[in-house]
Amino acid sequence: MPARLRRMIRGWFDSRYISRADHRQDIKDALWEVQTLGREVAVLRAETDRLRKEVDRLRARPAASGVRVDEARAARWDDAHRLAQETAAALDRVLQNEVLLWQAVDRAAGDGGPSDGRALPERALPSGGAA
């Protein structure tokens, strides 16, 4: 598609639907929200790891100490931990895909990214996810 026609169509869409400044602000807001959610996912992962260690510690305790974890309770804890891990991994993938989507939208706008001249990072979330 010729560049002139592309600019004309993009200008028509921008004037009809949303200004570029608003679009940039939306991208910044979405990126901030994704990064915030990413930090929350990291905190949730740390909490699930802490809880798992606590369960393992309680299981390892001898029965003479007076604290006993029955198998049914331990199985429920294990199931809750598994579900929390799967949820965290799925949410991490969703957040990473949203970042990639907004980066693609920004590249499609073709004007170099956010209005302050900085390029968006290639991946806003750490790649060491449980995916």
N, C-alpha and C. Protein backbone atom coordinates (compact mmCIF):
# COMPACT_ATOMS: atom_id res chain seq x y z
N MET A 1 0.86 -1.17 0.00
CA MET A 1 0.00 0.00 0.00
C MET A 1 0.91 1.24 0.00
N PRO A 2 0.66 2.18 -0.86
CA PRO A 2 1.49 3.39 -0.90
C PRO A 2 1.44 4.14 0.43
N ALA A 3 2.59 4.74 0.77
CA ALA A 3 2.71 5.43 2.06
C ALA A 3 1.72 6.59 2.16
N ARG A 4 1.49 7.30 1.08
CA ARG A 4 0.57 8.44 1.11
C ARG A 4 -0.85 7.98 1.43
N LEU A 5 -1.28 6.90 0.78
CA LEU A 5 -2.61 6.36 1.04
C LEU A 5 -2.71 5.85 2.48
N ARG A 6 -1.66 5.19 2.96
CA ARG A 6 -1.64 4.70 4.33
C ARG A 6 -1.77 5.86 5.33
N ARG A 7 -1.00 6.96 5.09
CA ARG A 7 -1.10 8.13 5.97
C ARG A 7 -2.49 8.73 5.94
N MET A 8 -3.08 8.79 4.75
CA MET A 8 -4.41 9.36 4.62
C MET A 8 -5.44 8.52 5.39
N ILE A 9 -5.36 7.20 5.24
CA ILE A 9 -6.30 6.31 5.94
C ILE A 9 -6.08 6.39 7.44
N ARG A 10 -4.81 6.38 7.87
CA ARG A 10 -4.51 6.48 9.29
C ARG A 10 -5.02 7.81 9.85
N GLY A 11 -4.83 8.88 9.11
CA GLY A 11 -5.34 10.18 9.55
C GLY A 11 -6.85 10.19 9.64
N TRP A 12 -7.51 9.54 8.69
CA TRP A 12 -8.97 9.47 8.73
C TRP A 12 -9.44 8.71 9.96
N PHE A 13 -8.79 7.54 10.23
CA PHE A 13 -9.14 6.76 11.41
C PHE A 13 -8.86 7.55 12.69
N ASP A 14 -7.70 8.19 12.75
CA ASP A 14 -7.35 8.95 13.95
C ASP A 14 -8.34 10.08 14.19
N SER A 15 -8.73 10.77 13.13
CA SER A 15 -9.66 11.89 13.33
C SER A 15 -11.07 11.40 13.64
N ARG A 16 -11.40 10.23 13.15
CA ARG A 16 -12.74 9.72 13.35
C ARG A 16 -12.92 9.03 14.70
N TYR A 17 -11.86 8.35 15.17
CA TYR A 17 -12.02 7.52 16.35
C TYR A 17 -11.28 8.05 17.58
N ILE A 18 -9.99 8.28 17.48
CA ILE A 18 -9.22 8.68 18.65
C ILE A 18 -8.00 9.46 18.18
N SER A 19 -7.62 10.45 18.95
CA SER A 19 -6.44 11.23 18.58
C SER A 19 -5.19 10.42 18.88
N ARG A 20 -4.11 10.76 18.23
CA ARG A 20 -2.85 10.05 18.49
C ARG A 20 -2.39 10.26 19.92
N ALA A 21 -2.57 11.46 20.43
CA ALA A 21 -2.17 11.72 21.82
C ALA A 21 -2.97 10.85 22.78
N ASP A 22 -4.27 10.72 22.53
CA ASP A 22 -5.09 9.85 23.38
C ASP A 22 -4.67 8.40 23.23
N HIS A 23 -4.36 8.01 22.01
CA HIS A 23 -3.91 6.64 21.76
C HIS A 23 -2.61 6.37 22.52
N ARG A 24 -1.69 7.31 22.46
CA ARG A 24 -0.41 7.14 23.18
C ARG A 24 -0.64 7.05 24.68
N GLN A 25 -1.53 7.89 25.17
CA GLN A 25 -1.82 7.85 26.60
C GLN A 25 -2.46 6.52 26.98
N ASP A 26 -3.35 6.02 26.14
CA ASP A 26 -3.96 4.72 26.39
C ASP A 26 -2.91 3.62 26.43
N ILE A 27 -1.95 3.69 25.52
CA ILE A 27 -0.87 2.69 25.49
C ILE A 27 -0.04 2.78 26.77
N LYS A 28 0.30 4.01 27.17
CA LYS A 28 1.07 4.18 28.40
C LYS A 28 0.29 3.64 29.60
N ASP A 29 -1.00 3.97 29.67
CA ASP A 29 -1.82 3.49 30.78
C ASP A 29 -1.91 1.97 30.80
N ALA A 30 -2.11 1.38 29.62
CA ALA A 30 -2.21 -0.07 29.55
C ALA A 30 -0.90 -0.73 29.93
N LEU A 31 0.22 -0.16 29.48
CA LEU A 31 1.52 -0.71 29.83
C LEU A 31 1.77 -0.61 31.32
N TRP A 32 1.39 0.52 31.92
CA TRP A 32 1.55 0.68 33.37
C TRP A 32 0.72 -0.36 34.11
N GLU A 33 -0.52 -0.56 33.65
CA GLU A 33 -1.40 -1.54 34.29
C GLU A 33 -0.85 -2.95 34.15
N VAL A 34 -0.32 -3.28 32.98
CA VAL A 34 0.25 -4.61 32.76
C VAL A 34 1.46 -4.81 33.67
N GLN A 35 2.30 -3.79 33.80
CA GLN A 35 3.46 -3.90 34.68
C GLN A 35 3.04 -4.05 36.14
N THR A 36 2.01 -3.31 36.54
CA THR A 36 1.50 -3.42 37.90
C THR A 36 0.96 -4.83 38.15
N LEU A 37 0.17 -5.34 37.21
CA LEU A 37 -0.35 -6.70 37.36
C LEU A 37 0.77 -7.73 37.37
N GLY A 38 1.82 -7.48 36.59
CA GLY A 38 2.97 -8.38 36.59
C GLY A 38 3.64 -8.43 37.95
N ARG A 39 3.76 -7.26 38.60
CA ARG A 39 4.33 -7.25 39.95
C ARG A 39 3.42 -8.00 40.92
N GLU A 40 2.11 -7.84 40.76
CA GLU A 40 1.18 -8.56 41.63
C GLU A 40 1.28 -10.07 41.43
N VAL A 41 1.46 -10.50 40.18
CA VAL A 41 1.63 -11.93 39.91
C VAL A 41 2.89 -12.44 40.60
N ALA A 42 3.96 -11.65 40.55
CA ALA A 42 5.20 -12.05 41.22
C ALA A 42 4.98 -12.19 42.73
N VAL A 43 4.24 -11.28 43.33
CA VAL A 43 3.94 -11.35 44.76
C VAL A 43 3.10 -12.59 45.06
N LEU A 44 2.11 -12.87 44.21
CA LEU A 44 1.28 -14.06 44.42
C LEU A 44 2.11 -15.34 44.31
N ARG A 45 3.03 -15.36 43.37
CA ARG A 45 3.90 -16.54 43.24
C ARG A 45 4.74 -16.73 44.50
N ALA A 46 5.28 -15.64 45.01
CA ALA A 46 6.09 -15.73 46.23
C ALA A 46 5.25 -16.22 47.40
N GLU A 47 4.02 -15.75 47.47
CA GLU A 47 3.12 -16.19 48.56
C GLU A 47 2.78 -17.68 48.44
N THR A 48 2.52 -18.15 47.23
CA THR A 48 2.22 -19.57 47.06
C THR A 48 3.45 -20.43 47.40
N ASP A 49 4.64 -19.94 47.03
CA ASP A 49 5.86 -20.68 47.38
C ASP A 49 6.05 -20.72 48.89
N ARG A 50 5.76 -19.60 49.57
CA ARG A 50 5.88 -19.56 51.03
C ARG A 50 4.90 -20.53 51.68
N LEU A 51 3.67 -20.56 51.16
CA LEU A 51 2.68 -21.48 51.72
C LEU A 51 3.06 -22.94 51.48
N ARG A 52 3.61 -23.21 50.32
CA ARG A 52 4.03 -24.59 50.05
C ARG A 52 5.14 -25.02 51.00
N LYS A 53 6.09 -24.11 51.25
CA LYS A 53 7.17 -24.44 52.19
C LYS A 53 6.62 -24.67 53.59
N GLU A 54 5.61 -23.89 53.96
CA GLU A 54 4.99 -24.07 55.28
C GLU A 54 4.32 -25.44 55.37
N VAL A 55 3.61 -25.84 54.33
CA VAL A 55 2.97 -27.16 54.32
C VAL A 55 4.03 -28.24 54.41
N ASP A 56 5.10 -28.12 53.64
CA ASP A 56 6.17 -29.12 53.69
C ASP A 56 6.79 -29.18 55.08
N ARG A 57 6.96 -28.01 55.71
CA ARG A 57 7.53 -27.97 57.05
C ARG A 57 6.60 -28.68 58.05
N LEU A 58 5.29 -28.43 57.93
CA LEU A 58 4.35 -29.08 58.83
C LEU A 58 4.27 -30.58 58.60
N ARG A 59 4.39 -30.99 57.35
CA ARG A 59 4.37 -32.43 57.05
C ARG A 59 5.59 -33.12 57.63
N ALA A 60 6.73 -32.43 57.61
CA ALA A 60 7.97 -33.04 58.06
C ALA A 60 8.06 -33.13 59.57
N ARG A 61 7.24 -32.39 60.28
CA ARG A 61 7.24 -32.40 61.74
C ARG A 61 6.82 -33.77 62.26
N PRO A 62 7.47 -34.23 63.26
CA PRO A 62 7.04 -35.52 63.83
C PRO A 62 5.69 -35.37 64.53
N ALA A 63 4.95 -36.45 64.59
CA ALA A 63 3.61 -36.43 65.18
C ALA A 63 3.68 -36.12 66.68
N ALA A 64 4.81 -36.36 67.31
CA ALA A 64 4.95 -36.13 68.74
C ALA A 64 4.93 -34.65 69.09
N SER A 65 5.14 -33.78 68.11
CA SER A 65 5.18 -32.35 68.41
C SER A 65 3.79 -31.78 68.67
N GLY A 66 2.76 -32.55 68.43
CA GLY A 66 1.40 -32.10 68.71
C GLY A 66 0.72 -31.45 67.51
N VAL A 67 1.46 -31.17 66.47
CA VAL A 67 0.85 -30.58 65.28
C VAL A 67 0.86 -31.65 64.19
N ARG A 68 -0.32 -31.97 63.72
CA ARG A 68 -0.41 -32.99 62.69
C ARG A 68 -1.26 -32.46 61.56
N VAL A 69 -0.79 -32.69 60.35
CA VAL A 69 -1.55 -32.30 59.16
C VAL A 69 -2.13 -33.58 58.58
N ASP A 70 -3.46 -33.67 58.55
CA ASP A 70 -4.07 -34.87 58.00
C ASP A 70 -3.96 -34.85 56.47
N GLU A 71 -4.08 -36.00 55.89
CA GLU A 71 -3.88 -36.14 54.44
C GLU A 71 -4.93 -35.39 53.64
N ALA A 72 -6.17 -35.34 54.12
CA ALA A 72 -7.23 -34.64 53.39
C ALA A 72 -6.92 -33.14 53.31
N ARG A 73 -6.48 -32.57 54.43
CA ARG A 73 -6.14 -31.15 54.44
C ARG A 73 -4.92 -30.88 53.54
N ALA A 74 -3.93 -31.74 53.62
CA ALA A 74 -2.74 -31.58 52.79
C ALA A 74 -3.11 -31.68 51.31
N ALA A 75 -4.02 -32.57 50.97
CA ALA A 75 -4.45 -32.72 49.57
C ALA A 75 -5.17 -31.46 49.10
N ARG A 76 -6.00 -30.87 49.97
CA ARG A 76 -6.69 -29.61 49.61
C ARG A 76 -5.68 -28.49 49.41
N TRP A 77 -4.67 -28.43 50.30
CA TRP A 77 -3.63 -27.41 50.15
C TRP A 77 -2.86 -27.59 48.85
N ASP A 78 -2.55 -28.84 48.54
CA ASP A 78 -1.83 -29.12 47.29
C ASP A 78 -2.66 -28.71 46.08
N ASP A 79 -3.96 -29.02 46.14
CA ASP A 79 -4.83 -28.65 45.03
C ASP A 79 -4.94 -27.14 44.90
N ALA A 80 -5.07 -26.44 46.02
CA ALA A 80 -5.14 -24.98 45.99
C ALA A 80 -3.84 -24.39 45.45
N HIS A 81 -2.72 -24.98 45.84
CA HIS A 81 -1.44 -24.50 45.33
C HIS A 81 -1.33 -24.72 43.83
N ARG A 82 -1.72 -25.89 43.37
CA ARG A 82 -1.67 -26.17 41.93
C ARG A 82 -2.54 -25.19 41.16
N LEU A 83 -3.75 -24.95 41.64
CA LEU A 83 -4.64 -24.00 40.96
C LEU A 83 -4.07 -22.58 40.98
N ALA A 84 -3.46 -22.18 42.08
CA ALA A 84 -2.85 -20.85 42.15
C ALA A 84 -1.70 -20.73 41.17
N GLN A 85 -0.88 -21.77 41.07
CA GLN A 85 0.24 -21.75 40.13
C GLN A 85 -0.26 -21.68 38.68
N GLU A 86 -1.27 -22.48 38.36
CA GLU A 86 -1.81 -22.47 37.00
C GLU A 86 -2.44 -21.12 36.67
N THR A 87 -3.14 -20.54 37.64
CA THR A 87 -3.74 -19.22 37.42
C THR A 87 -2.67 -18.17 37.21
N ALA A 88 -1.63 -18.20 38.03
CA ALA A 88 -0.55 -17.23 37.88
C ALA A 88 0.14 -17.37 36.53
N ALA A 89 0.37 -18.59 36.09
CA ALA A 89 1.02 -18.81 34.80
C ALA A 89 0.13 -18.33 33.66
N ALA A 90 -1.16 -18.62 33.75
CA ALA A 90 -2.08 -18.18 32.69
C ALA A 90 -2.19 -16.66 32.66
N LEU A 91 -2.26 -16.03 33.81
CA LEU A 91 -2.34 -14.58 33.87
C LEU A 91 -1.06 -13.95 33.34
N ASP A 92 0.07 -14.56 33.64
CA ASP A 92 1.34 -14.07 33.12
C ASP A 92 1.35 -14.09 31.60
N ARG A 93 0.87 -15.20 31.01
CA ARG A 93 0.80 -15.29 29.54
C ARG A 93 -0.15 -14.24 28.97
N VAL A 94 -1.29 -14.03 29.63
CA VAL A 94 -2.25 -13.03 29.16
C VAL A 94 -1.61 -11.64 29.18
N LEU A 95 -0.92 -11.32 30.25
CA LEU A 95 -0.29 -10.01 30.37
C LEU A 95 0.80 -9.82 29.32
N GLN A 96 1.60 -10.85 29.09
CA GLN A 96 2.65 -10.75 28.08
C GLN A 96 2.03 -10.57 26.69
N ASN A 97 0.96 -11.28 26.41
CA ASN A 97 0.29 -11.13 25.12
C ASN A 97 -0.31 -9.74 24.97
N GLU A 98 -0.84 -9.18 26.06
CA GLU A 98 -1.39 -7.83 25.98
C GLU A 98 -0.30 -6.81 25.69
N VAL A 99 0.87 -6.97 26.30
CA VAL A 99 1.99 -6.08 26.01
C VAL A 99 2.37 -6.18 24.54
N LEU A 100 2.47 -7.41 24.05
CA LEU A 100 2.83 -7.60 22.64
C LEU A 100 1.78 -7.01 21.71
N LEU A 101 0.51 -7.13 22.08
CA LEU A 101 -0.57 -6.55 21.28
C LEU A 101 -0.44 -5.04 21.22
N TRP A 102 -0.24 -4.40 22.37
CA TRP A 102 -0.12 -2.94 22.37
C TRP A 102 1.13 -2.49 21.63
N GLN A 103 2.20 -3.25 21.70
CA GLN A 103 3.39 -2.90 20.94
C GLN A 103 3.12 -3.00 19.44
N ALA A 104 2.37 -4.01 19.03
CA ALA A 104 2.02 -4.14 17.62
C ALA A 104 1.13 -2.98 17.17
N VAL A 105 0.18 -2.60 18.02
CA VAL A 105 -0.68 -1.46 17.69
C VAL A 105 0.16 -0.20 17.56
N ASP A 106 1.10 -0.03 18.47
CA ASP A 106 1.94 1.15 18.42
C ASP A 106 2.82 1.15 17.17
N ARG A 107 3.37 -0.02 16.82
CA ARG A 107 4.18 -0.10 15.59
C ARG A 107 3.33 0.17 14.36
N ALA A 108 2.07 -0.28 14.38
CA ALA A 108 1.18 -0.06 13.25
C ALA A 108 0.88 1.43 13.08
N ALA A 109 0.90 2.16 14.19
CA ALA A 109 0.70 3.61 14.09
C ALA A 109 1.87 4.25 13.35
N GLY A 110 3.04 3.62 13.40
CA GLY A 110 4.16 4.01 12.57
C GLY A 110 4.84 5.31 12.92
N ASP A 111 4.58 5.86 14.09
CA ASP A 111 5.21 7.15 14.37
C ASP A 111 6.20 7.05 15.52
N GLY A 112 6.77 5.89 15.75
CA GLY A 112 7.89 5.78 16.65
C GLY A 112 7.57 5.57 18.12
N GLY A 113 6.37 5.32 18.49
CA GLY A 113 6.08 4.98 19.87
C GLY A 113 5.50 6.13 20.67
N PRO A 114 5.69 6.08 21.97
CA PRO A 114 5.10 7.07 22.86
C PRO A 114 5.57 8.49 22.55
N SER A 115 4.79 9.45 22.97
CA SER A 115 5.04 10.84 22.62
C SER A 115 6.32 11.39 23.24
N ASP A 116 6.86 10.77 24.27
CA ASP A 116 8.08 11.29 24.88
C ASP A 116 9.34 10.78 24.16
N GLY A 117 9.17 10.03 23.08
CA GLY A 117 10.28 9.61 22.25
C GLY A 117 10.91 8.29 22.66
N ARG A 118 10.49 7.72 23.80
CA ARG A 118 11.04 6.44 24.23
C ARG A 118 10.34 5.32 23.48
N ALA A 119 11.08 4.30 23.15
CA ALA A 119 10.47 3.11 22.54
C ALA A 119 9.95 2.21 23.64
N LEU A 120 8.90 1.49 23.35
CA LEU A 120 8.37 0.54 24.33
C LEU A 120 9.32 -0.63 24.45
N PRO A 121 9.48 -1.19 25.65
CA PRO A 121 10.34 -2.36 25.80
C PRO A 121 9.75 -3.55 25.05
N GLU A 122 10.62 -4.44 24.60
CA GLU A 122 10.13 -5.60 23.85
C GLU A 122 9.29 -6.51 24.72
N ARG A 123 9.67 -6.68 25.98
CA ARG A 123 8.89 -7.48 26.92
C ARG A 123 8.86 -6.72 28.23
N ALA A 124 7.67 -6.37 28.66
CA ALA A 124 7.55 -5.61 29.90
C ALA A 124 7.59 -6.50 31.13
N LEU A 125 7.38 -7.80 30.95
CA LEU A 125 7.34 -8.72 32.07
C LEU A 125 8.56 -9.63 32.01
N PRO A 126 9.02 -10.11 33.15
CA PRO A 126 10.16 -11.02 33.13
C PRO A 126 9.82 -12.30 32.38
N SER A 127 10.79 -12.82 31.67
CA SER A 127 10.55 -14.01 30.85
C SER A 127 10.67 -15.30 31.63
N GLY A 128 10.96 -15.24 32.90
CA GLY A 128 11.12 -16.44 33.70
C GLY A 128 9.83 -16.97 34.27
N GLY A 129 8.72 -16.77 33.55
CA GLY A 129 7.41 -17.19 34.06
C GLY A 129 7.28 -18.69 34.12
N ALA A 130 6.22 -19.11 34.71
CA ALA A 130 5.98 -20.54 34.89
C ALA A 130 5.29 -21.14 33.68
N ALA A 131 5.26 -20.44 32.57
CA ALA A 131 4.55 -20.92 31.38
C ALA A 131 5.28 -22.03 30.71
